[in-house]
Amino acid sequence: ADIIAYTTVMECYVRSSSFLSNSAEATLELLREAKGLYETTGDVIFRPNTRTYTVAIRALAKYPQEFPKSAKMAYSLLLELQKQYNETNDLELRPSIQPYNYVISCAANTEGTKEEKLAAFQIAAKTYKEIRSSPYLTPDSYTYAFWLRACNLLLIVSDVYMKCVEVSVAQCKKEGLLNAFVLKRLLQSHLTSDRLKQLLHISPSSDHRFVQIEDLDPSWSRNARQYETRR
C-alpha cells in the first residue's frame, strides 16, 4: 500500500456515512498510520499529501460529533500541511482552497456553549483571513457559503455579525462567485428583510424568501459554478 491507497480508503470512509459509526476516527487513524510509515521508512510513497490532509479535515467537518474539539483538530491538520509545504516547497504539499474551506465548515458545525462557539468562530475567522491574504489561494463559492454558515451559527446578532456578513457578501459579488449555495446561506442569515433586499438589489415590494440566482445581477455569478445546493 502507498499513500494513494491510504487516501482512497480514507475517502471511502468519509463518503459512506453508513460504512462505520466512527468514520472520522477511522480516517484519522489511517492518516496517523501513513505518517508513521513515512517517518519510519523515509519513503515518499507513504508521505501524506494535500489530498490526504484534505480528506482528513473533511472527515472532521462531516462528523464533528466524534470529537469535542473537531474545529481545533481540523485547523491543526491544516497548520501541519502548511508547515510541510513551507519546509519542502513541494507542490504536492501546497494546500489548495479545499482544506481551508473544510476547516471553516468544521467550525460552523460546532455545537456547545457560547464560549465553545466563539472559539470555533475564531478558528473560522483566522482561516478565512488566511485565504484572503494568501499569495496562492483564491476563494471560491464554497468559501463564502461555509463562511456565511459559520457566521449564522456561531455569532450572536450584533454589529460584528452584520459586518462579517455584509463585507463578505460584497466581496463575493465583486469576485463573481455568488451561486445558489451562497444565496441559500445568505437568505438564512439574521439580516432584516429590508437589508437583504438592499444587498441583492431586489424590489422593496418583493418577497426575498423566493429570490433565485437567476433573478440577480449576472455579473455577481460570472465566475461561479452553479453547484448543487447542499448542506
C-alpha atoms as a PDB file:
ATOM      1  CA  ALA A   1       0.000   0.000   0.000  1.00  0.00           C
ATOM      2  CA  ASP A   2       1.100   3.560  -0.681  1.00  0.00           C
ATOM      3  CA  ILE A   3      -0.344   6.985   0.124  1.00  0.00           C
ATOM      4  CA  ILE A   4      -2.702   6.776  -2.858  1.00  0.00           C
ATOM      5  CA  ALA A   5      -4.224   3.606  -1.417  1.00  0.00           C
ATOM      6  CA  TYR A   6      -4.435   5.105   2.086  1.00  0.00           C
ATOM      7  CA  THR A   7      -6.104   8.246   0.785  1.00  0.00           C
ATOM      8  CA  THR A   8      -8.565   6.292  -1.344  1.00  0.00           C
ATOM      9  CA  VAL A   9      -9.719   4.233   1.643  1.00  0.00           C
ATOM     10  CA  MET A  10      -9.978   7.413   3.730  1.00  0.00           C
ATOM     11  CA  GLU A  11     -12.235   8.909   1.066  1.00  0.00           C
ATOM     12  CA  CYS A  12     -14.453   5.824   1.193  1.00  0.00           C
ATOM     13  CA  TYR A  13     -14.884   6.273   4.954  1.00  0.00           C
ATOM     14  CA  VAL A  14     -15.830   9.919   4.526  1.00  0.00           C
ATOM     15  CA  ARG A  15     -18.269   9.376   1.679  1.00  0.00           C
ATOM     16  CA  SER A  16     -20.131   6.419   3.172  1.00  0.00           C
ATOM     17  CA  SER A  17     -21.785   7.511   6.400  1.00  0.00           C
ATOM     18  CA  SER A  18     -23.330   4.065   6.865  1.00  0.00           C
ATOM     19  CA  PHE A  19     -19.979   2.306   6.493  1.00  0.00           C
ATOM     20  CA  LEU A  20     -18.721   2.980  10.005  1.00  0.00           C
ATOM     21  CA  SER A  21     -20.113   4.540  13.163  1.00  0.00           C
ATOM     22  CA  ASN A  22     -16.730   6.223  13.710  1.00  0.00           C
ATOM     23  CA  SER A  23     -15.794   7.318  10.193  1.00  0.00           C
ATOM     24  CA  ALA A  24     -13.765  10.357  11.267  1.00  0.00           C
ATOM     25  CA  GLU A  25     -11.783   8.377  13.828  1.00  0.00           C
ATOM     26  CA  ALA A  26     -11.061   5.643  11.271  1.00  0.00           C
ATOM     27  CA  THR A  27      -9.988   8.247   8.719  1.00  0.00           C
ATOM     28  CA  LEU A  28      -7.610   9.949  11.144  1.00  0.00           C
ATOM     29  CA  GLU A  29      -6.192   6.570  12.208  1.00  0.00           C
ATOM     30  CA  LEU A  30      -5.229   5.867   8.585  1.00  0.00           C
ATOM     31  CA  LEU A  31      -3.581   9.285   8.364  1.00  0.00           C
ATOM     32  CA  ARG A  32      -1.576   8.539  11.518  1.00  0.00           C
ATOM     33  CA  GLU A  33      -0.583   5.140  10.145  1.00  0.00           C
ATOM     34  CA  ALA A  34       0.628   6.616   6.860  1.00  0.00           C
ATOM     35  CA  LYS A  35       2.562   9.330   8.687  1.00  0.00           C
ATOM     36  CA  GLY A  36       4.163   6.690  10.880  1.00  0.00           C
ATOM     37  CA  LEU A  37       5.258   4.645   7.877  1.00  0.00           C
ATOM     38  CA  TYR A  38       6.746   7.711   6.231  1.00  0.00           C
ATOM     39  CA  GLU A  39       8.610   8.723   9.404  1.00  0.00           C
ATOM     40  CA  THR A  40       9.899   5.182   9.890  1.00  0.00           C
ATOM     41  CA  THR A  41      10.927   4.405   6.319  1.00  0.00           C
ATOM     42  CA  GLY A  42      11.528   7.841   4.833  1.00  0.00           C
ATOM     43  CA  ASP A  43       9.887   6.533   1.672  1.00  0.00           C
ATOM     44  CA  VAL A  44       7.891   9.263  -0.076  1.00  0.00           C
ATOM     45  CA  ILE A  45       5.322   6.746  -1.316  1.00  0.00           C
ATOM     46  CA  PHE A  46       3.886   6.872   2.233  1.00  0.00           C
ATOM     47  CA  ARG A  47       4.042  10.641   2.663  1.00  0.00           C
ATOM     48  CA  PRO A  48       0.582  12.205   3.124  1.00  0.00           C
ATOM     49  CA  ASN A  49      -0.097  14.879   0.527  1.00  0.00           C
ATOM     50  CA  THR A  50      -2.588  17.722   0.152  1.00  0.00           C
ATOM     51  CA  ARG A  51      -5.352  15.358  -0.895  1.00  0.00           C
ATOM     52  CA  THR A  52      -4.743  13.145   2.152  1.00  0.00           C
ATOM     53  CA  TYR A  53      -4.936  16.053   4.593  1.00  0.00           C
ATOM     54  CA  THR A  54      -7.987  17.449   2.813  1.00  0.00           C
ATOM     55  CA  VAL A  55      -9.848  14.162   3.250  1.00  0.00           C
ATOM     56  CA  ALA A  56      -8.930  14.034   6.953  1.00  0.00           C
ATOM     57  CA  ILE A  57     -10.146  17.595   7.532  1.00  0.00           C
ATOM     58  CA  ARG A  58     -13.320  16.870   5.581  1.00  0.00           C
ATOM     59  CA  ALA A  59     -13.970  13.872   7.841  1.00  0.00           C
ATOM     60  CA  LEU A  60     -13.847  16.153  10.881  1.00  0.00           C
ATOM     61  CA  ALA A  61     -16.201  18.608   9.162  1.00  0.00           C
ATOM     62  CA  LYS A  62     -18.673  15.871   8.240  1.00  0.00           C
ATOM     63  CA  TYR A  63     -18.611  14.026  11.581  1.00  0.00           C
ATOM     64  CA  PRO A  64     -17.836  16.728  14.196  1.00  0.00           C
ATOM     65  CA  GLN A  65     -19.765  14.848  16.864  1.00  0.00           C
ATOM     66  CA  GLU A  66     -16.970  12.284  17.091  1.00  0.00           C
ATOM     67  CA  PHE A  67     -14.571  14.763  18.694  1.00  0.00           C
ATOM     68  CA  PRO A  68     -15.307  17.549  21.204  1.00  0.00           C
ATOM     69  CA  LYS A  69     -12.847  19.962  19.572  1.00  0.00           C
ATOM     70  CA  SER A  70     -13.059  18.969  15.921  1.00  0.00           C
ATOM     71  CA  ALA A  71     -12.516  22.520  14.626  1.00  0.00           C
ATOM     72  CA  LYS A  72      -9.273  22.829  16.578  1.00  0.00           C
ATOM     73  CA  MET A  73      -8.152  19.431  15.292  1.00  0.00           C
ATOM     74  CA  ALA A  74      -9.002  20.381  11.704  1.00  0.00           C
ATOM     75  CA  TYR A  75      -7.063  23.635  11.966  1.00  0.00           C
ATOM     76  CA  SER A  76      -4.087  21.776  13.465  1.00  0.00           C
ATOM     77  CA  LEU A  77      -4.029  19.455  10.446  1.00  0.00           C
ATOM     78  CA  LEU A  78      -4.123  22.469   8.144  1.00  0.00           C
ATOM     79  CA  LEU A  79      -1.189  24.028  10.010  1.00  0.00           C
ATOM     80  CA  GLU A  80       0.699  20.740   9.713  1.00  0.00           C
ATOM     81  CA  LEU A  81       0.164  20.734   5.952  1.00  0.00           C
ATOM     82  CA  GLN A  82       1.201  24.385   5.698  1.00  0.00           C
ATOM     83  CA  LYS A  83       4.367  23.683   7.680  1.00  0.00           C
ATOM     84  CA  GLN A  84       5.344  20.758   5.458  1.00  0.00           C
ATOM     85  CA  TYR A  85       4.821  22.821   2.328  1.00  0.00           C
ATOM     86  CA  ASN A  86       6.842  25.739   3.716  1.00  0.00           C
ATOM     87  CA  GLU A  87       9.689  23.384   4.626  1.00  0.00           C
ATOM     88  CA  THR A  88       9.793  21.470   1.329  1.00  0.00           C
ATOM     89  CA  ASN A  89       8.252  23.811  -1.252  1.00  0.00           C
ATOM     90  CA  ASP A  90       6.846  20.614  -2.753  1.00  0.00           C
ATOM     91  CA  LEU A  91       3.748  21.358  -4.851  1.00  0.00           C
ATOM     92  CA  GLU A  92       2.185  18.066  -3.737  1.00  0.00           C
ATOM     93  CA  LEU A  93       2.048  19.601  -0.259  1.00  0.00           C
ATOM     94  CA  ARG A  94       0.821  23.048  -1.233  1.00  0.00           C
ATOM     95  CA  PRO A  95      -2.632  23.490   0.295  1.00  0.00           C
ATOM     96  CA  SER A  96      -5.464  24.109  -2.137  1.00  0.00           C
ATOM     97  CA  ILE A  97      -8.595  26.050  -1.222  1.00  0.00           C
ATOM     98  CA  GLN A  98     -10.410  22.850  -0.218  1.00  0.00           C
ATOM     99  CA  PRO A  99      -8.776  22.118   3.165  1.00  0.00           C
ATOM    100  CA  TYR A 100      -9.273  25.751   4.170  1.00  0.00           C
ATOM    101  CA  ASN A 101     -12.938  25.563   3.203  1.00  0.00           C
ATOM    102  CA  TYR A 102     -13.415  22.367   5.186  1.00  0.00           C
ATOM    103  CA  VAL A 103     -11.832  23.910   8.294  1.00  0.00           C
ATOM    104  CA  ILE A 104     -14.397  26.729   8.097  1.00  0.00           C
ATOM    105  CA  SER A 105     -17.162  24.163   7.546  1.00  0.00           C
ATOM    106  CA  CYS A 106     -15.937  22.145  10.512  1.00  0.00           C
ATOM    107  CA  ALA A 107     -16.015  25.236  12.715  1.00  0.00           C
ATOM    108  CA  ALA A 108     -19.540  26.057  11.519  1.00  0.00           C
ATOM    109  CA  ASN A 109     -20.708  22.618  12.659  1.00  0.00           C
ATOM    110  CA  THR A 110     -19.607  23.259  16.248  1.00  0.00           C
ATOM    111  CA  GLU A 111     -22.261  22.864  18.902  1.00  0.00           C
ATOM    112  CA  GLY A 112     -21.965  23.706  22.572  1.00  0.00           C
ATOM    113  CA  THR A 113     -21.673  26.690  24.848  1.00  0.00           C
ATOM    114  CA  LYS A 114     -21.281  30.305  23.751  1.00  0.00           C
ATOM    115  CA  GLU A 115     -17.606  30.052  24.635  1.00  0.00           C
ATOM    116  CA  GLU A 116     -17.128  26.934  22.518  1.00  0.00           C
ATOM    117  CA  LYS A 117     -18.917  28.529  19.583  1.00  0.00           C
ATOM    118  CA  LEU A 118     -16.829  31.683  19.929  1.00  0.00           C
ATOM    119  CA  ALA A 119     -13.627  29.621  19.933  1.00  0.00           C
ATOM    120  CA  ALA A 120     -14.826  27.830  16.793  1.00  0.00           C
ATOM    121  CA  PHE A 121     -15.682  31.137  15.132  1.00  0.00           C
ATOM    122  CA  GLN A 122     -12.191  32.443  15.875  1.00  0.00           C
ATOM    123  CA  ILE A 123     -10.779  29.429  14.025  1.00  0.00           C
ATOM    124  CA  ALA A 124     -13.128  30.055  11.088  1.00  0.00           C
ATOM    125  CA  ALA A 125     -12.213  33.761  11.015  1.00  0.00           C
ATOM    126  CA  LYS A 126      -8.494  33.032  11.178  1.00  0.00           C
ATOM    127  CA  THR A 127      -8.804  30.535   8.314  1.00  0.00           C
ATOM    128  CA  TYR A 128     -10.914  32.916   6.228  1.00  0.00           C
ATOM    129  CA  LYS A 129      -8.368  35.683   6.762  1.00  0.00           C
ATOM    130  CA  GLU A 130      -5.522  33.380   5.710  1.00  0.00           C
ATOM    131  CA  ILE A 131      -7.359  32.591   2.469  1.00  0.00           C
ATOM    132  CA  ARG A 132      -7.755  36.255   1.654  1.00  0.00           C
ATOM    133  CA  SER A 133      -4.117  37.077   2.407  1.00  0.00           C
ATOM    134  CA  SER A 134      -2.549  34.030   0.723  1.00  0.00           C
ATOM    135  CA  PRO A 135      -0.361  34.611  -2.350  1.00  0.00           C
ATOM    136  CA  TYR A 136      -1.566  31.386  -3.994  1.00  0.00           C
ATOM    137  CA  LEU A 137      -5.132  30.800  -2.739  1.00  0.00           C
ATOM    138  CA  THR A 138      -8.307  32.165  -4.303  1.00  0.00           C
ATOM    139  CA  PRO A 139     -11.685  31.940  -2.552  1.00  0.00           C
ATOM    140  CA  ASP A 140     -14.417  30.003  -4.322  1.00  0.00           C
ATOM    141  CA  SER A 141     -18.177  29.860  -3.825  1.00  0.00           C
ATOM    142  CA  TYR A 142     -17.832  27.229  -1.104  1.00  0.00           C
ATOM    143  CA  THR A 143     -15.545  29.570   0.837  1.00  0.00           C
ATOM    144  CA  TYR A 144     -18.288  32.161   1.052  1.00  0.00           C
ATOM    145  CA  ALA A 145     -21.085  29.653   1.683  1.00  0.00           C
ATOM    146  CA  PHE A 146     -19.213  27.979   4.560  1.00  0.00           C
ATOM    147  CA  TRP A 147     -18.147  31.349   5.973  1.00  0.00           C
ATOM    148  CA  LEU A 148     -21.719  32.676   5.970  1.00  0.00           C
ATOM    149  CA  ARG A 149     -22.895  29.483   7.651  1.00  0.00           C
ATOM    150  CA  ALA A 150     -20.233  29.912  10.331  1.00  0.00           C
ATOM    151  CA  CYS A 151     -21.349  33.489  10.946  1.00  0.00           C
ATOM    152  CA  ASN A 152     -25.016  32.451  11.100  1.00  0.00           C
ATOM    153  CA  LEU A 153     -24.491  29.591  13.536  1.00  0.00           C
ATOM    154  CA  LEU A 154     -21.650  30.799  15.744  1.00  0.00           C
ATOM    155  CA  LEU A 155     -22.220  34.524  16.234  1.00  0.00           C
ATOM    156  CA  ILE A 156     -24.958  36.336  18.072  1.00  0.00           C
ATOM    157  CA  VAL A 157     -26.698  39.093  16.137  1.00  0.00           C
ATOM    158  CA  SER A 158     -24.527  42.169  16.628  1.00  0.00           C
ATOM    159  CA  ASP A 159     -22.624  44.839  14.726  1.00  0.00           C
ATOM    160  CA  VAL A 160     -19.753  42.373  14.316  1.00  0.00           C
ATOM    161  CA  TYR A 161     -22.099  39.783  12.838  1.00  0.00           C
ATOM    162  CA  MET A 162     -23.640  42.309  10.434  1.00  0.00           C
ATOM    163  CA  LYS A 163     -20.229  43.483   9.280  1.00  0.00           C
ATOM    164  CA  CYS A 164     -18.920  39.934   8.759  1.00  0.00           C
ATOM    165  CA  VAL A 165     -21.910  39.024   6.596  1.00  0.00           C
ATOM    166  CA  GLU A 166     -22.206  42.231   4.612  1.00  0.00           C
ATOM    167  CA  VAL A 167     -18.494  42.624   3.854  1.00  0.00           C
ATOM    168  CA  SER A 168     -18.146  39.006   2.728  1.00  0.00           C
ATOM    169  CA  VAL A 169     -21.253  39.246   0.531  1.00  0.00           C
ATOM    170  CA  ALA A 170     -19.866  42.396  -1.094  1.00  0.00           C
ATOM    171  CA  GLN A 171     -16.577  40.580  -1.765  1.00  0.00           C
ATOM    172  CA  CYS A 172     -18.414  37.543  -3.135  1.00  0.00           C
ATOM    173  CA  LYS A 173     -20.444  39.664  -5.561  1.00  0.00           C
ATOM    174  CA  LYS A 174     -17.372  41.631  -6.630  1.00  0.00           C
ATOM    175  CA  GLU A 175     -15.493  38.399  -7.384  1.00  0.00           C
ATOM    176  CA  GLY A 176     -18.453  36.957  -9.295  1.00  0.00           C
ATOM    177  CA  LEU A 177     -18.801  33.928  -7.014  1.00  0.00           C
ATOM    178  CA  LEU A 178     -22.412  34.190  -5.912  1.00  0.00           C
ATOM    179  CA  ASN A 179     -24.271  30.964  -6.646  1.00  0.00           C
ATOM    180  CA  ALA A 180     -27.334  29.138  -5.305  1.00  0.00           C
ATOM    181  CA  PHE A 181     -25.359  27.662  -2.402  1.00  0.00           C
ATOM    182  CA  VAL A 182     -24.092  31.070  -1.243  1.00  0.00           C
ATOM    183  CA  LEU A 183     -27.506  32.645  -1.779  1.00  0.00           C
ATOM    184  CA  LYS A 184     -29.130  29.972   0.384  1.00  0.00           C
ATOM    185  CA  ARG A 185     -26.766  30.774   3.277  1.00  0.00           C
ATOM    186  CA  LEU A 186     -27.334  34.491   2.846  1.00  0.00           C
ATOM    187  CA  LEU A 187     -31.118  34.057   2.953  1.00  0.00           C
ATOM    188  CA  GLN A 188     -30.673  32.028   6.157  1.00  0.00           C
ATOM    189  CA  SER A 189     -28.813  34.926   7.759  1.00  0.00           C
ATOM    190  CA  HIS A 190     -30.151  37.153  10.519  1.00  0.00           C
ATOM    191  CA  LEU A 191     -30.218  40.261   8.344  1.00  0.00           C
ATOM    192  CA  THR A 192     -33.529  42.048   8.113  1.00  0.00           C
ATOM    193  CA  SER A 193     -35.722  41.596   5.052  1.00  0.00           C
ATOM    194  CA  ASP A 194     -35.100  45.205   4.027  1.00  0.00           C
ATOM    195  CA  ARG A 195     -31.335  44.836   4.316  1.00  0.00           C
ATOM    196  CA  LEU A 196     -31.345  41.623   2.295  1.00  0.00           C
ATOM    197  CA  LYS A 197     -33.317  43.342  -0.447  1.00  0.00           C
ATOM    198  CA  GLN A 198     -30.796  46.181  -0.470  1.00  0.00           C
ATOM    199  CA  LEU A 199     -27.846  43.795  -0.709  1.00  0.00           C
ATOM    200  CA  LEU A 200     -29.472  41.814  -3.512  1.00  0.00           C
ATOM    201  CA  HIS A 201     -30.840  44.865  -5.352  1.00  0.00           C
ATOM    202  CA  ILE A 202     -34.373  43.492  -5.465  1.00  0.00           C
ATOM    203  CA  SER A 203     -37.648  45.387  -5.290  1.00  0.00           C
ATOM    204  CA  PRO A 204     -38.768  46.521  -1.811  1.00  0.00           C
ATOM    205  CA  SER A 205     -42.205  45.069  -2.566  1.00  0.00           C
ATOM    206  CA  SER A 206     -40.864  41.606  -3.439  1.00  0.00           C
ATOM    207  CA  ASP A 207     -40.510  38.650  -1.096  1.00  0.00           C
ATOM    208  CA  HIS A 208     -36.806  37.946  -0.619  1.00  0.00           C
ATOM    209  CA  ARG A 209     -37.527  34.378   0.502  1.00  0.00           C
ATOM    210  CA  PHE A 210     -38.316  33.353  -3.065  1.00  0.00           C
ATOM    211  CA  VAL A 211     -35.458  35.063  -4.886  1.00  0.00           C
ATOM    212  CA  GLN A 212     -33.482  32.831  -7.252  1.00  0.00           C
ATOM    213  CA  ILE A 213     -29.938  33.252  -8.522  1.00  0.00           C
ATOM    214  CA  GLU A 214     -31.383  33.910 -11.995  1.00  0.00           C
ATOM    215  CA  ASP A 215     -33.173  36.983 -10.614  1.00  0.00           C
ATOM    216  CA  LEU A 216     -29.934  38.689  -9.633  1.00  0.00           C
ATOM    217  CA  ASP A 217     -27.222  40.633 -11.436  1.00  0.00           C
ATOM    218  CA  PRO A 218     -25.449  38.035 -13.637  1.00  0.00           C
ATOM    219  CA  SER A 219     -22.072  39.715 -13.053  1.00  0.00           C
ATOM    220  CA  TRP A 220     -22.252  38.544  -9.428  1.00  0.00           C
ATOM    221  CA  SER A 221     -22.131  34.931 -10.662  1.00  0.00           C
ATOM    222  CA  ARG A 222     -19.797  35.285 -13.635  1.00  0.00           C
ATOM    223  CA  ASN A 223     -17.036  33.159 -12.052  1.00  0.00           C
ATOM    224  CA  ALA A 224     -19.249  30.789 -10.089  1.00  0.00           C
ATOM    225  CA  ARG A 225     -20.081  27.234 -10.889  1.00  0.00           C
ATOM    226  CA  GLN A 226     -23.716  26.664 -10.078  1.00  0.00           C
ATOM    227  CA  TYR A 227     -23.076  23.925  -7.557  1.00  0.00           C
ATOM    228  CA  GLU A 228     -25.972  21.801  -6.468  1.00  0.00           C
ATOM    229  CA  THR A 229     -27.143  23.250  -3.164  1.00  0.00           C
ATOM    230  CA  ARG A 230     -26.118  21.015  -0.300  1.00  0.00           C
ATOM    231  CA  ARG A 231     -25.623  21.158   3.437  1.00  0.00           C
END
